[in-house]
Amino acid sequence: MKRKKSSKSSLSLANPEIQQIEQLLQFMTEHHLEEFEYSRGDLRIRLRKPSAGVVVEAPRIVGTYVETGKILCIVEAMKLMNEIESDVSGEVTRIFVENGQPVEYGQPLFGIRPSRKK
């Protein structure tokens, strides 16, 4: 027994067939939709297209990045404010002192993982 094709051009989503799902995908493309969801009673259809945009992933360890010469902090010494600049570009992985804590000359303030050169 052959199945008759419906001559209807409108979508009936009571019992979706492949052709109707293809029409939904075409509709999504025409209207620049990435996702479409439809539910009625027990029927639920969810279509999702992979994004065509560029995906930017976070690095292995999320952190604060600094560049050479950028100010990391300000140290007050005898009422003078001294800007402490980064010697390297990279990720701040550790802060050795708390705000307001006294520091000594040559004491490490930050741990920085240098960035790789490209």
PDB file of N, CA and C in Angstrom:
ATOM      1  N   MET A   1       0.839  -1.170   0.000  1.00  0.00           N
ATOM      2  CA  MET A   1       0.000   0.000   0.000  1.00  0.00           C
ATOM      3  C   MET A   1       0.889   1.241   0.000  1.00  0.00           C
ATOM      4  N   LYS A   2       0.673   2.133  -0.923  1.00  0.00           N
ATOM      5  CA  LYS A   2       1.439   3.363  -1.026  1.00  0.00           C
ATOM      6  C   LYS A   2       0.827   4.436  -0.151  1.00  0.00           C
ATOM      7  N   ARG A   3       1.691   5.232   0.372  1.00  0.00           N
ATOM      8  CA  ARG A   3       1.254   6.333   1.204  1.00  0.00           C
ATOM      9  C   ARG A   3       1.040   7.561   0.338  1.00  0.00           C
ATOM     10  N   LYS A   4      -0.085   8.223   0.501  1.00  0.00           N
ATOM     11  CA  LYS A   4      -0.386   9.426  -0.262  1.00  0.00           C
ATOM     12  C   LYS A   4       0.300  10.615   0.385  1.00  0.00           C
ATOM     13  N   LYS A   5       0.863  11.461  -0.449  1.00  0.00           N
ATOM     14  CA  LYS A   5       1.467  12.695   0.024  1.00  0.00           C
ATOM     15  C   LYS A   5       0.384  13.730   0.226  1.00  0.00           C
ATOM     16  N   SER A   6       0.517  14.466   1.295  1.00  0.00           N
ATOM     17  CA  SER A   6      -0.439  15.525   1.582  1.00  0.00           C
ATOM     18  C   SER A   6      -0.188  16.697   0.643  1.00  0.00           C
ATOM     19  N   SER A   7      -1.230  17.274   0.139  1.00  0.00           N
ATOM     20  CA  SER A   7      -1.077  18.421  -0.742  1.00  0.00           C
ATOM     21  C   SER A   7      -1.105  19.726   0.035  1.00  0.00           C
ATOM     22  N   LYS A   8      -1.255  19.624   1.350  1.00  0.00           N
ATOM     23  CA  LYS A   8      -1.271  20.823   2.181  1.00  0.00           C
ATOM     24  C   LYS A   8       0.107  21.438   2.244  1.00  0.00           C
ATOM     25  N   SER A   9       0.176  22.759   2.206  1.00  0.00           N
ATOM     26  CA  SER A   9       1.454  23.440   2.334  1.00  0.00           C
ATOM     27  C   SER A   9       1.683  23.909   3.770  1.00  0.00           C
ATOM     28  N   SER A  10       0.616  23.932   4.564  1.00  0.00           N
ATOM     29  CA  SER A  10       0.772  24.356   5.957  1.00  0.00           C
ATOM     30  C   SER A  10       1.206  23.173   6.814  1.00  0.00           C
ATOM     31  N   LEU A  11       1.842  23.492   7.916  1.00  0.00           N
ATOM     32  CA  LEU A  11       2.343  22.461   8.804  1.00  0.00           C
ATOM     33  C   LEU A  11       1.270  22.020   9.781  1.00  0.00           C
ATOM     34  N   SER A  12       1.134  20.724   9.946  1.00  0.00           N
ATOM     35  CA  SER A  12       0.299  20.158  10.982  1.00  0.00           C
ATOM     36  C   SER A  12       1.222  19.343  11.874  1.00  0.00           C
ATOM     37  N   LEU A  13       1.442  19.807  13.079  1.00  0.00           N
ATOM     38  CA  LEU A  13       2.413  19.171  13.942  1.00  0.00           C
ATOM     39  C   LEU A  13       1.800  18.152  14.897  1.00  0.00           C
ATOM     40  N   ALA A  14       0.591  17.669  14.596  1.00  0.00           N
ATOM     41  CA  ALA A  14      -0.010  16.646  15.437  1.00  0.00           C
ATOM     42  C   ALA A  14       0.810  15.363  15.378  1.00  0.00           C
ATOM     43  N   ASN A  15       1.197  14.938  14.180  1.00  0.00           N
ATOM     44  CA  ASN A  15       2.072  13.788  13.966  1.00  0.00           C
ATOM     45  C   ASN A  15       3.124  14.204  12.956  1.00  0.00           C
ATOM     46  N   PRO A  16       4.220  14.746  13.421  1.00  0.00           N
ATOM     47  CA  PRO A  16       5.208  15.282  12.489  1.00  0.00           C
ATOM     48  C   PRO A  16       5.888  14.194  11.678  1.00  0.00           C
ATOM     49  N   GLU A  17       6.116  14.476  10.437  1.00  0.00           N
ATOM     50  CA  GLU A  17       6.834  13.581   9.555  1.00  0.00           C
ATOM     51  C   GLU A  17       8.140  14.260   9.170  1.00  0.00           C
ATOM     52  N   ILE A  18       9.033  13.515   8.573  1.00  0.00           N
ATOM     53  CA  ILE A  18      10.341  14.038   8.188  1.00  0.00           C
ATOM     54  C   ILE A  18      10.199  15.287   7.328  1.00  0.00           C
ATOM     55  N   GLN A  19       9.282  15.266   6.382  1.00  0.00           N
ATOM     56  CA  GLN A  19       9.101  16.415   5.502  1.00  0.00           C
ATOM     57  C   GLN A  19       8.709  17.658   6.302  1.00  0.00           C
ATOM     58  N   GLN A  20       7.882  17.496   7.297  1.00  0.00           N
ATOM     59  CA  GLN A  20       7.469  18.632   8.117  1.00  0.00           C
ATOM     60  C   GLN A  20       8.640  19.157   8.967  1.00  0.00           C
ATOM     61  N   ILE A  21       9.460  18.240   9.450  1.00  0.00           N
ATOM     62  CA  ILE A  21      10.629  18.652  10.220  1.00  0.00           C
ATOM     63  C   ILE A  21      11.607  19.390   9.314  1.00  0.00           C
ATOM     64  N   GLU A  22      11.756  18.917   8.084  1.00  0.00           N
ATOM     65  CA  GLU A  22      12.606  19.610   7.110  1.00  0.00           C
ATOM     66  C   GLU A  22      12.079  21.016   6.830  1.00  0.00           C
ATOM     67  N   GLN A  23      10.758  21.164   6.778  1.00  0.00           N
ATOM     68  CA  GLN A  23      10.164  22.487   6.577  1.00  0.00           C
ATOM     69  C   GLN A  23      10.469  23.397   7.768  1.00  0.00           C
ATOM     70  N   LEU A  24      10.431  22.839   8.970  1.00  0.00           N
ATOM     71  CA  LEU A  24      10.783  23.623  10.154  1.00  0.00           C
ATOM     72  C   LEU A  24      12.237  24.069  10.096  1.00  0.00           C
ATOM     73  N   LEU A  25      13.125  23.180   9.687  1.00  0.00           N
ATOM     74  CA  LEU A  25      14.539  23.528   9.562  1.00  0.00           C
ATOM     75  C   LEU A  25      14.732  24.621   8.518  1.00  0.00           C
ATOM     76  N   GLN A  26      14.002  24.553   7.415  1.00  0.00           N
ATOM     77  CA  GLN A  26      14.068  25.587   6.386  1.00  0.00           C
ATOM     78  C   GLN A  26      13.579  26.925   6.941  1.00  0.00           C
ATOM     79  N   PHE A  27      12.494  26.883   7.712  1.00  0.00           N
ATOM     80  CA  PHE A  27      11.959  28.076   8.366  1.00  0.00           C
ATOM     81  C   PHE A  27      13.004  28.690   9.296  1.00  0.00           C
ATOM     82  N   MET A  28      13.681  27.831  10.062  1.00  0.00           N
ATOM     83  CA  MET A  28      14.730  28.306  10.972  1.00  0.00           C
ATOM     84  C   MET A  28      15.852  28.991  10.199  1.00  0.00           C
ATOM     85  N   THR A  29      16.243  28.411   9.081  1.00  0.00           N
ATOM     86  CA  THR A  29      17.312  28.975   8.263  1.00  0.00           C
ATOM     87  C   THR A  29      16.901  30.332   7.697  1.00  0.00           C
ATOM     88  N   GLU A  30      15.690  30.412   7.164  1.00  0.00           N
ATOM     89  CA  GLU A  30      15.204  31.653   6.564  1.00  0.00           C
ATOM     90  C   GLU A  30      15.109  32.796   7.579  1.00  0.00           C
ATOM     91  N   HIS A  31      14.813  32.459   8.830  1.00  0.00           N
ATOM     92  CA  HIS A  31      14.624  33.472   9.866  1.00  0.00           C
ATOM     93  C   HIS A  31      15.815  33.560  10.826  1.00  0.00           C
ATOM     94  N   HIS A  32      16.909  32.938  10.445  1.00  0.00           N
ATOM     95  CA  HIS A  32      18.151  32.990  11.217  1.00  0.00           C
ATOM     96  C   HIS A  32      17.956  32.568  12.673  1.00  0.00           C
ATOM     97  N   LEU A  33      17.216  31.474  12.867  1.00  0.00           N
ATOM     98  CA  LEU A  33      16.993  30.942  14.203  1.00  0.00           C
ATOM     99  C   LEU A  33      17.983  29.815  14.474  1.00  0.00           C
ATOM    100  N   GLU A  34      18.534  29.778  15.669  1.00  0.00           N
ATOM    101  CA  GLU A  34      19.455  28.716  16.059  1.00  0.00           C
ATOM    102  C   GLU A  34      18.710  27.587  16.769  1.00  0.00           C
ATOM    103  N   GLU A  35      17.544  27.912  17.360  1.00  0.00           N
ATOM    104  CA  GLU A  35      16.810  26.926  18.140  1.00  0.00           C
ATOM    105  C   GLU A  35      15.318  27.146  17.987  1.00  0.00           C
ATOM    106  N   PHE A  36      14.570  26.043  17.972  1.00  0.00           N
ATOM    107  CA  PHE A  36      13.113  26.100  17.843  1.00  0.00           C
ATOM    108  C   PHE A  36      12.529  25.032  18.742  1.00  0.00           C
ATOM    109  N   GLU A  37      11.515  25.403  19.522  1.00  0.00           N
ATOM    110  CA  GLU A  37      10.877  24.425  20.404  1.00  0.00           C
ATOM    111  C   GLU A  37       9.371  24.558  20.269  1.00  0.00           C
ATOM    112  N   TYR A  38       8.700  23.392  20.195  1.00  0.00           N
ATOM    113  CA  TYR A  38       7.253  23.357  20.045  1.00  0.00           C
ATOM    114  C   TYR A  38       6.726  22.245  20.940  1.00  0.00           C
ATOM    115  N   SER A  39       5.660  22.524  21.673  1.00  0.00           N
ATOM    116  CA  SER A  39       5.036  21.461  22.459  1.00  0.00           C
ATOM    117  C   SER A  39       3.533  21.644  22.449  1.00  0.00           C
ATOM    118  N   ARG A  40       2.877  20.520  22.374  1.00  0.00           N
ATOM    119  CA  ARG A  40       1.420  20.502  22.391  1.00  0.00           C
ATOM    120  C   ARG A  40       0.992  19.148  22.916  1.00  0.00           C
ATOM    121  N   GLY A  41       0.351  19.132  24.062  1.00  0.00           N
ATOM    122  CA  GLY A  41      -0.029  17.869  24.676  1.00  0.00           C
ATOM    123  C   GLY A  41       1.213  17.040  24.995  1.00  0.00           C
ATOM    124  N   ASP A  42       1.219  15.798  24.515  1.00  0.00           N
ATOM    125  CA  ASP A  42       2.362  14.907  24.745  1.00  0.00           C
ATOM    126  C   ASP A  42       3.468  15.106  23.718  1.00  0.00           C
ATOM    127  N   LEU A  43       3.196  15.878  22.675  1.00  0.00           N
ATOM    128  CA  LEU A  43       4.177  16.076  21.609  1.00  0.00           C
ATOM    129  C   LEU A  43       5.117  17.221  21.974  1.00  0.00           C
ATOM    130  N   ARG A  44       6.402  16.962  21.854  1.00  0.00           N
ATOM    131  CA  ARG A  44       7.415  18.003  22.099  1.00  0.00           C
ATOM    132  C   ARG A  44       8.493  17.862  21.040  1.00  0.00           C
ATOM    133  N   ILE A  45       8.736  18.970  20.323  1.00  0.00           N
ATOM    134  CA  ILE A  45       9.773  18.992  19.294  1.00  0.00           C
ATOM    135  C   ILE A  45      10.746  20.088  19.664  1.00  0.00           C
ATOM    136  N   ARG A  46      12.025  19.751  19.649  1.00  0.00           N
ATOM    137  CA  ARG A  46      13.062  20.747  19.903  1.00  0.00           C
ATOM    138  C   ARG A  46      14.148  20.552  18.863  1.00  0.00           C
ATOM    139  N   LEU A  47      14.386  21.597  18.080  1.00  0.00           N
ATOM    140  CA  LEU A  47      15.409  21.564  17.042  1.00  0.00           C
ATOM    141  C   LEU A  47      16.457  22.607  17.391  1.00  0.00           C
ATOM    142  N   ARG A  48      17.714  22.199  17.301  1.00  0.00           N
ATOM    143  CA  ARG A  48      18.806  23.128  17.593  1.00  0.00           C
ATOM    144  C   ARG A  48      19.897  22.938  16.557  1.00  0.00           C
ATOM    145  N   LYS A  49      20.305  24.058  15.953  1.00  0.00           N
ATOM    146  CA  LYS A  49      21.382  24.025  14.976  1.00  0.00           C
ATOM    147  C   LYS A  49      22.673  24.432  15.664  1.00  0.00           C
ATOM    148  N   PRO A  50      23.792  23.864  15.236  1.00  0.00           N
ATOM    149  CA  PRO A  50      25.059  24.316  15.810  1.00  0.00           C
ATOM    150  C   PRO A  50      25.312  25.757  15.399  1.00  0.00           C
ATOM    151  N   SER A  51      25.844  26.526  16.294  1.00  0.00           N
ATOM    152  CA  SER A  51      26.111  27.925  16.020  1.00  0.00           C
ATOM    153  C   SER A  51      27.204  28.056  14.976  1.00  0.00           C
ATOM    154  N   ALA A  52      27.019  28.984  14.062  1.00  0.00           N
ATOM    155  CA  ALA A  52      28.005  29.205  13.010  1.00  0.00           C
ATOM    156  C   ALA A  52      29.080  30.178  13.462  1.00  0.00           C
ATOM    157  N   GLY A  53      28.878  30.798  14.625  1.00  0.00           N
ATOM    158  CA  GLY A  53      29.835  31.778  15.109  1.00  0.00           C
ATOM    159  C   GLY A  53      31.105  31.128  15.638  1.00  0.00           C
ATOM    160  N   VAL A  54      32.058  31.956  15.927  1.00  0.00           N
ATOM    161  CA  VAL A  54      33.325  31.494  16.465  1.00  0.00           C
ATOM    162  C   VAL A  54      33.166  31.289  17.963  1.00  0.00           C
ATOM    163  N   VAL A  55      33.637  30.160  18.447  1.00  0.00           N
ATOM    164  CA  VAL A  55      33.586  29.862  19.868  1.00  0.00           C
ATOM    165  C   VAL A  55      34.948  30.171  20.468  1.00  0.00           C
ATOM    166  N   VAL A  56      34.937  30.985  21.486  1.00  0.00           N
ATOM    167  CA  VAL A  56      36.175  31.333  22.170  1.00  0.00           C
ATOM    168  C   VAL A  56      36.144  30.670  23.532  1.00  0.00           C
ATOM    169  N   GLU A  57      37.114  29.804  23.767  1.00  0.00           N
ATOM    170  CA  GLU A  57      37.160  29.096  25.030  1.00  0.00           C
ATOM    171  C   GLU A  57      38.060  29.830  26.011  1.00  0.00           C
ATOM    172  N   ALA A  58      37.728  29.683  27.275  1.00  0.00           N
ATOM    173  CA  ALA A  58      38.569  30.259  28.317  1.00  0.00           C
ATOM    174  C   ALA A  58      39.850  29.438  28.405  1.00  0.00           C
ATOM    175  N   PRO A  59      40.928  30.047  28.830  1.00  0.00           N
ATOM    176  CA  PRO A  59      42.167  29.298  28.989  1.00  0.00           C
ATOM    177  C   PRO A  59      42.031  28.244  30.084  1.00  0.00           C
ATOM    178  N   ARG A  60      43.049  27.378  30.220  1.00  0.00           N
ATOM    179  CA  ARG A  60      43.010  26.290  31.197  1.00  0.00           C
ATOM    180  C   ARG A  60      42.611  26.805  32.582  1.00  0.00           C
ATOM    181  N   ILE A  61      43.232  27.931  33.030  1.00  0.00           N
ATOM    182  CA  ILE A  61      42.923  28.508  34.347  1.00  0.00           C
ATOM    183  C   ILE A  61      42.439  29.920  34.116  1.00  0.00           C
ATOM    184  N   VAL A  62      41.192  30.155  34.578  1.00  0.00           N
ATOM    185  CA  VAL A  62      40.618  31.485  34.425  1.00  0.00           C
ATOM    186  C   VAL A  62      41.280  32.388  35.464  1.00  0.00           C
ATOM    187  N   GLY A  63      41.707  33.548  35.052  1.00  0.00           N
ATOM    188  CA  GLY A  63      42.381  34.433  35.983  1.00  0.00           C
ATOM    189  C   GLY A  63      42.471  35.838  35.453  1.00  0.00           C
ATOM    190  N   THR A  64      43.312  36.625  36.102  1.00  0.00           N
ATOM    191  CA  THR A  64      43.554  37.992  35.701  1.00  0.00           C
ATOM    192  C   THR A  64      44.846  38.037  34.907  1.00  0.00           C
ATOM    193  N   TYR A  65      44.796  38.665  33.759  1.00  0.00           N
ATOM    194  CA  TYR A  65      45.960  38.736  32.884  1.00  0.00           C
ATOM    195  C   TYR A  65      46.507  40.154  32.889  1.00  0.00           C
ATOM    196  N   VAL A  66      47.824  40.226  32.882  1.00  0.00           N
ATOM    197  CA  VAL A  66      48.488  41.526  32.859  1.00  0.00           C
ATOM    198  C   VAL A  66      49.481  41.560  31.713  1.00  0.00           C
ATOM    199  N   GLU A  67      49.815  42.764  31.309  1.00  0.00           N
ATOM    200  CA  GLU A  67      50.826  42.967  30.276  1.00  0.00           C
ATOM    201  C   GLU A  67      52.023  43.663  30.887  1.00  0.00           C
ATOM    202  N   THR A  68      53.171  43.486  30.270  1.00  0.00           N
ATOM    203  CA  THR A  68      54.399  44.139  30.728  1.00  0.00           C
ATOM    204  C   THR A  68      54.178  45.646  30.804  1.00  0.00           C
ATOM    205  N   GLY A  69      54.565  46.217  31.931  1.00  0.00           N
ATOM    206  CA  GLY A  69      54.444  47.663  32.110  1.00  0.00           C
ATOM    207  C   GLY A  69      53.124  48.125  32.688  1.00  0.00           C
ATOM    208  N   LYS A  70      52.140  47.234  32.809  1.00  0.00           N
ATOM    209  CA  LYS A  70      50.846  47.618  33.378  1.00  0.00           C
ATOM    210  C   LYS A  70      50.935  47.626  34.900  1.00  0.00           C
ATOM    211  N   ILE A  71      50.194  48.518  35.539  1.00  0.00           N
ATOM    212  CA  ILE A  71      50.227  48.657  36.993  1.00  0.00           C
ATOM    213  C   ILE A  71      49.475  47.493  37.641  1.00  0.00           C
ATOM    214  N   LEU A  72      50.180  46.796  38.553  1.00  0.00           N
ATOM    215  CA  LEU A  72      49.580  45.694  39.301  1.00  0.00           C
ATOM    216  C   LEU A  72      48.952  46.173  40.605  1.00  0.00           C
ATOM    217  N   CYS A  73      49.654  47.104  41.274  1.00  0.00           N
ATOM    218  CA  CYS A  73      49.151  47.604  42.545  1.00  0.00           C
ATOM    219  C   CYS A  73      49.862  48.905  42.884  1.00  0.00           C
ATOM    220  N   ILE A  74      49.447  49.499  43.983  1.00  0.00           N
ATOM    221  CA  ILE A  74      50.081  50.712  44.481  1.00  0.00           C
ATOM    222  C   ILE A  74      50.515  50.433  45.914  1.00  0.00           C
ATOM    223  N   VAL A  75      51.782  50.709  46.204  1.00  0.00           N
ATOM    224  CA  VAL A  75      52.325  50.526  47.544  1.00  0.00           C
ATOM    225  C   VAL A  75      52.601  51.917  48.126  1.00  0.00           C
ATOM    226  N   GLU A  76      52.048  52.154  49.318  1.00  0.00           N
ATOM    227  CA  GLU A  76      52.276  53.424  49.997  1.00  0.00           C
ATOM    228  C   GLU A  76      53.520  53.298  50.865  1.00  0.00           C
ATOM    229  N   ALA A  77      54.444  54.225  50.690  1.00  0.00           N
ATOM    230  CA  ALA A  77      55.653  54.258  51.511  1.00  0.00           C
ATOM    231  C   ALA A  77      55.902  55.700  51.922  1.00  0.00           C
ATOM    232  N   MET A  78      55.810  55.965  53.210  1.00  0.00           N
ATOM    233  CA  MET A  78      56.041  57.301  53.766  1.00  0.00           C
ATOM    234  C   MET A  78      55.179  58.359  53.070  1.00  0.00           C
ATOM    235  N   LYS A  79      53.915  58.055  52.947  1.00  0.00           N
ATOM    236  CA  LYS A  79      52.908  58.947  52.352  1.00  0.00           C
ATOM    237  C   LYS A  79      53.086  59.155  50.847  1.00  0.00           C
ATOM    238  N   LEU A  80      53.972  58.395  50.214  1.00  0.00           N
ATOM    239  CA  LEU A  80      54.127  58.436  48.760  1.00  0.00           C
ATOM    240  C   LEU A  80      53.498  57.185  48.160  1.00  0.00           C
ATOM    241  N   MET A  81      52.772  57.379  47.082  1.00  0.00           N
ATOM    242  CA  MET A  81      52.128  56.259  46.405  1.00  0.00           C
ATOM    243  C   MET A  81      53.025  55.778  45.271  1.00  0.00           C
ATOM    244  N   ASN A  82      53.474  54.524  45.358  1.00  0.00           N
ATOM    245  CA  ASN A  82      54.376  53.939  44.361  1.00  0.00           C
ATOM    246  C   ASN A  82      53.612  52.917  43.519  1.00  0.00           C
ATOM    247  N   GLU A  83      53.538  53.159  42.221  1.00  0.00           N
ATOM    248  CA  GLU A  83      52.870  52.229  41.318  1.00  0.00           C
ATOM    249  C   GLU A  83      53.827  51.096  41.005  1.00  0.00           C
ATOM    250  N   ILE A  84      53.380  49.871  41.218  1.00  0.00           N
ATOM    251  CA  ILE A  84      54.187  48.689  40.940  1.00  0.00           C
ATOM    252  C   ILE A  84      53.718  48.119  39.608  1.00  0.00           C
ATOM    253  N   GLU A  85      54.627  48.093  38.627  1.00  0.00           N
ATOM    254  CA  GLU A  85      54.310  47.624  37.280  1.00  0.00           C
ATOM    255  C   GLU A  85      54.752  46.185  37.101  1.00  0.00           C
ATOM    256  N   SER A  86      54.076  45.497  36.205  1.00  0.00           N
ATOM    257  CA  SER A  86      54.423  44.116  35.895  1.00  0.00           C
ATOM    258  C   SER A  86      55.682  44.076  35.030  1.00  0.00           C
ATOM    259  N   ASP A  87      56.589  43.143  35.365  1.00  0.00           N
ATOM    260  CA  ASP A  87      57.809  42.949  34.576  1.00  0.00           C
ATOM    261  C   ASP A  87      57.570  42.037  33.377  1.00  0.00           C
ATOM    262  N   VAL A  88      56.472  41.259  33.425  1.00  0.00           N
ATOM    263  CA  VAL A  88      56.185  40.280  32.369  1.00  0.00           C
ATOM    264  C   VAL A  88      54.702  40.321  32.022  1.00  0.00           C
ATOM    265  N   SER A  89      54.366  39.797  30.850  1.00  0.00           N
ATOM    266  CA  SER A  89      52.969  39.587  30.475  1.00  0.00           C
ATOM    267  C   SER A  89      52.590  38.182  30.895  1.00  0.00           C
ATOM    268  N   GLY A  90      51.392  38.027  31.432  1.00  0.00           N
ATOM    269  CA  GLY A  90      50.963  36.693  31.822  1.00  0.00           C
ATOM    270  C   GLY A  90      49.752  36.720  32.727  1.00  0.00           C
ATOM    271  N   GLU A  91      49.522  35.602  33.395  1.00  0.00           N
ATOM    272  CA  GLU A  91      48.364  35.423  34.259  1.00  0.00           C
ATOM    273  C   GLU A  91      48.779  35.529  35.715  1.00  0.00           C
ATOM    274  N   VAL A  92      48.044  36.337  36.478  1.00  0.00           N
ATOM    275  CA  VAL A  92      48.286  36.433  37.913  1.00  0.00           C
ATOM    276  C   VAL A  92      47.705  35.158  38.537  1.00  0.00           C
ATOM    277  N   THR A  93      48.584  34.332  39.084  1.00  0.00           N
ATOM    278  CA  THR A  93      48.147  33.048  39.652  1.00  0.00           C
ATOM    279  C   THR A  93      48.071  33.071  41.170  1.00  0.00           C
ATOM    280  N   ARG A  94      48.754  34.049  41.787  1.00  0.00           N
ATOM    281  CA  ARG A  94      48.758  34.096  43.241  1.00  0.00           C
ATOM    282  C   ARG A  94      49.018  35.525  43.708  1.00  0.00           C
ATOM    283  N   ILE A  95      48.354  35.889  44.797  1.00  0.00           N
ATOM    284  CA  ILE A  95      48.588  37.172  45.447  1.00  0.00           C
ATOM    285  C   ILE A  95      49.136  36.846  46.827  1.00  0.00           C
ATOM    286  N   PHE A  96      50.354  37.298  47.101  1.00  0.00           N
ATOM    287  CA  PHE A  96      51.045  36.925  48.326  1.00  0.00           C
ATOM    288  C   PHE A  96      50.708  37.787  49.534  1.00  0.00           C
ATOM    289  N   VAL A  97      50.187  38.987  49.329  1.00  0.00           N
ATOM    290  CA  VAL A  97      49.898  39.885  50.447  1.00  0.00           C
ATOM    291  C   VAL A  97      48.459  40.374  50.381  1.00  0.00           C
ATOM    292  N   GLU A  98      47.926  40.718  51.535  1.00  0.00           N
ATOM    293  CA  GLU A  98      46.576  41.263  51.642  1.00  0.00           C
ATOM    294  C   GLU A  98      46.635  42.784  51.538  1.00  0.00           C
ATOM    295  N   ASN A  99      45.525  43.387  51.186  1.00  0.00           N
ATOM    296  CA  ASN A  99      45.423  44.842  51.143  1.00  0.00           C
ATOM    297  C   ASN A  99      45.665  45.395  52.550  1.00  0.00           C
ATOM    298  N   GLY A 100      46.528  46.392  52.657  1.00  0.00           N
ATOM    299  CA  GLY A 100      46.807  47.015  53.940  1.00  0.00           C
ATOM    300  C   GLY A 100      47.918  46.336  54.729  1.00  0.00           C
ATOM    301  N   GLN A 101      48.386  45.190  54.286  1.00  0.00           N
ATOM    302  CA  GLN A 101      49.454  44.467  54.980  1.00  0.00           C
ATOM    303  C   GLN A 101      50.804  45.122  54.684  1.00  0.00           C
ATOM    304  N   PRO A 102      51.677  45.299  55.699  1.00  0.00           N
ATOM    305  CA  PRO A 102      53.010  45.878  55.448  1.00  0.00           C
ATOM    306  C   PRO A 102      53.848  44.943  54.584  1.00  0.00           C
ATOM    307  N   VAL A 103      54.663  45.532  53.716  1.00  0.00           N
ATOM    308  CA  VAL A 103      55.551  44.742  52.853  1.00  0.00           C
ATOM    309  C   VAL A 103      56.970  45.267  52.986  1.00  0.00           C
ATOM    310  N   GLU A 104      57.925  44.397  52.679  1.00  0.00           N
ATOM    311  CA  GLU A 104      59.347  44.740  52.752  1.00  0.00           C
ATOM    312  C   GLU A 104      59.902  44.871  51.338  1.00  0.00           C
ATOM    313  N   TYR A 105      61.002  45.585  51.226  1.00  0.00           N
ATOM    314  CA  TYR A 105      61.684  45.730  49.946  1.00  0.00           C
ATOM    315  C   TYR A 105      62.104  44.345  49.441  1.00  0.00           C
ATOM    316  N   GLY A 106      61.793  44.043  48.172  1.00  0.00           N
ATOM    317  CA  GLY A 106      62.158  42.771  47.565  1.00  0.00           C
ATOM    318  C   GLY A 106      61.198  41.631  47.864  1.00  0.00           C
ATOM    319  N   GLN A 107      60.171  41.876  48.679  1.00  0.00           N
ATOM    320  CA  GLN A 107      59.201  40.838  49.022  1.00  0.00           C
ATOM    321  C   GLN A 107      58.314  40.547  47.814  1.00  0.00           C
ATOM    322  N   PRO A 108      58.078  39.270  47.488  1.00  0.00           N
ATOM    323  CA  PRO A 108      57.183  38.966  46.365  1.00  0.00           C
ATOM    324  C   PRO A 108      55.749  39.384  46.701  1.00  0.00           C
ATOM    325  N   LEU A 109      55.105  40.024  45.735  1.00  0.00           N
ATOM    326  CA  LEU A 109      53.727  40.473  45.906  1.00  0.00           C
ATOM    327  C   LEU A 109      52.747  39.614  45.121  1.00  0.00           C
ATOM    328  N   PHE A 110      53.155  39.221  43.899  1.00  0.00           N
ATOM    329  CA  PHE A 110      52.284  38.460  43.012  1.00  0.00           C
ATOM    330  C   PHE A 110      53.051  37.310  42.381  1.00  0.00           C
ATOM    331  N   GLY A 111      52.340  36.236  42.110  1.00  0.00           N
ATOM    332  CA  GLY A 111      52.885  35.145  41.296  1.00  0.00           C
ATOM    333  C   GLY A 111      52.274  35.279  39.916  1.00  0.00           C
ATOM    334  N   ILE A 112      53.102  35.359  38.890  1.00  0.00           N
ATOM    335  CA  ILE A 112      52.612  35.538  37.519  1.00  0.00           C
ATOM    336  C   ILE A 112      53.166  34.423  36.648  1.00  0.00           C
ATOM    337  N   ARG A 113      52.260  33.717  35.962  1.00  0.00           N
ATOM    338  CA  ARG A 113      52.654  32.710  34.985  1.00  0.00           C
ATOM    339  C   ARG A 113      52.839  33.430  33.661  1.00  0.00           C
ATOM    340  N   PRO A 114      54.085  33.515  33.181  1.00  0.00           N
ATOM    341  CA  PRO A 114      54.339  34.238  31.924  1.00  0.00           C
ATOM    342  C   PRO A 114      53.551  33.617  30.762  1.00  0.00           C
ATOM    343  N   SER A 115      53.053  34.488  29.895  1.00  0.00           N
ATOM    344  CA  SER A 115      52.328  33.993  28.719  1.00  0.00           C
ATOM    345  C   SER A 115      53.321  33.486  27.696  1.00  0.00           C
ATOM    346  N   ARG A 116      52.889  32.512  26.907  1.00  0.00           N
ATOM    347  CA  ARG A 116      53.739  31.962  25.859  1.00  0.00           C
ATOM    348  C   ARG A 116      53.786  32.909  24.691  1.00  0.00           C
ATOM    349  N   LYS A 117      54.946  33.039  24.102  1.00  0.00           N
ATOM    350  CA  LYS A 117      55.074  33.880  22.913  1.00  0.00           C
ATOM    351  C   LYS A 117      54.571  33.103  21.725  1.00  0.00           C
ATOM    352  N   LYS A 118      53.875  33.787  20.812  1.00  0.00           N
ATOM    353  CA  LYS A 118      53.325  33.113  19.628  1.00  0.00           C
ATOM    354  C   LYS A 118      54.268  33.203  18.481  1.00  0.00           C
TER     355      LYS A 118
END
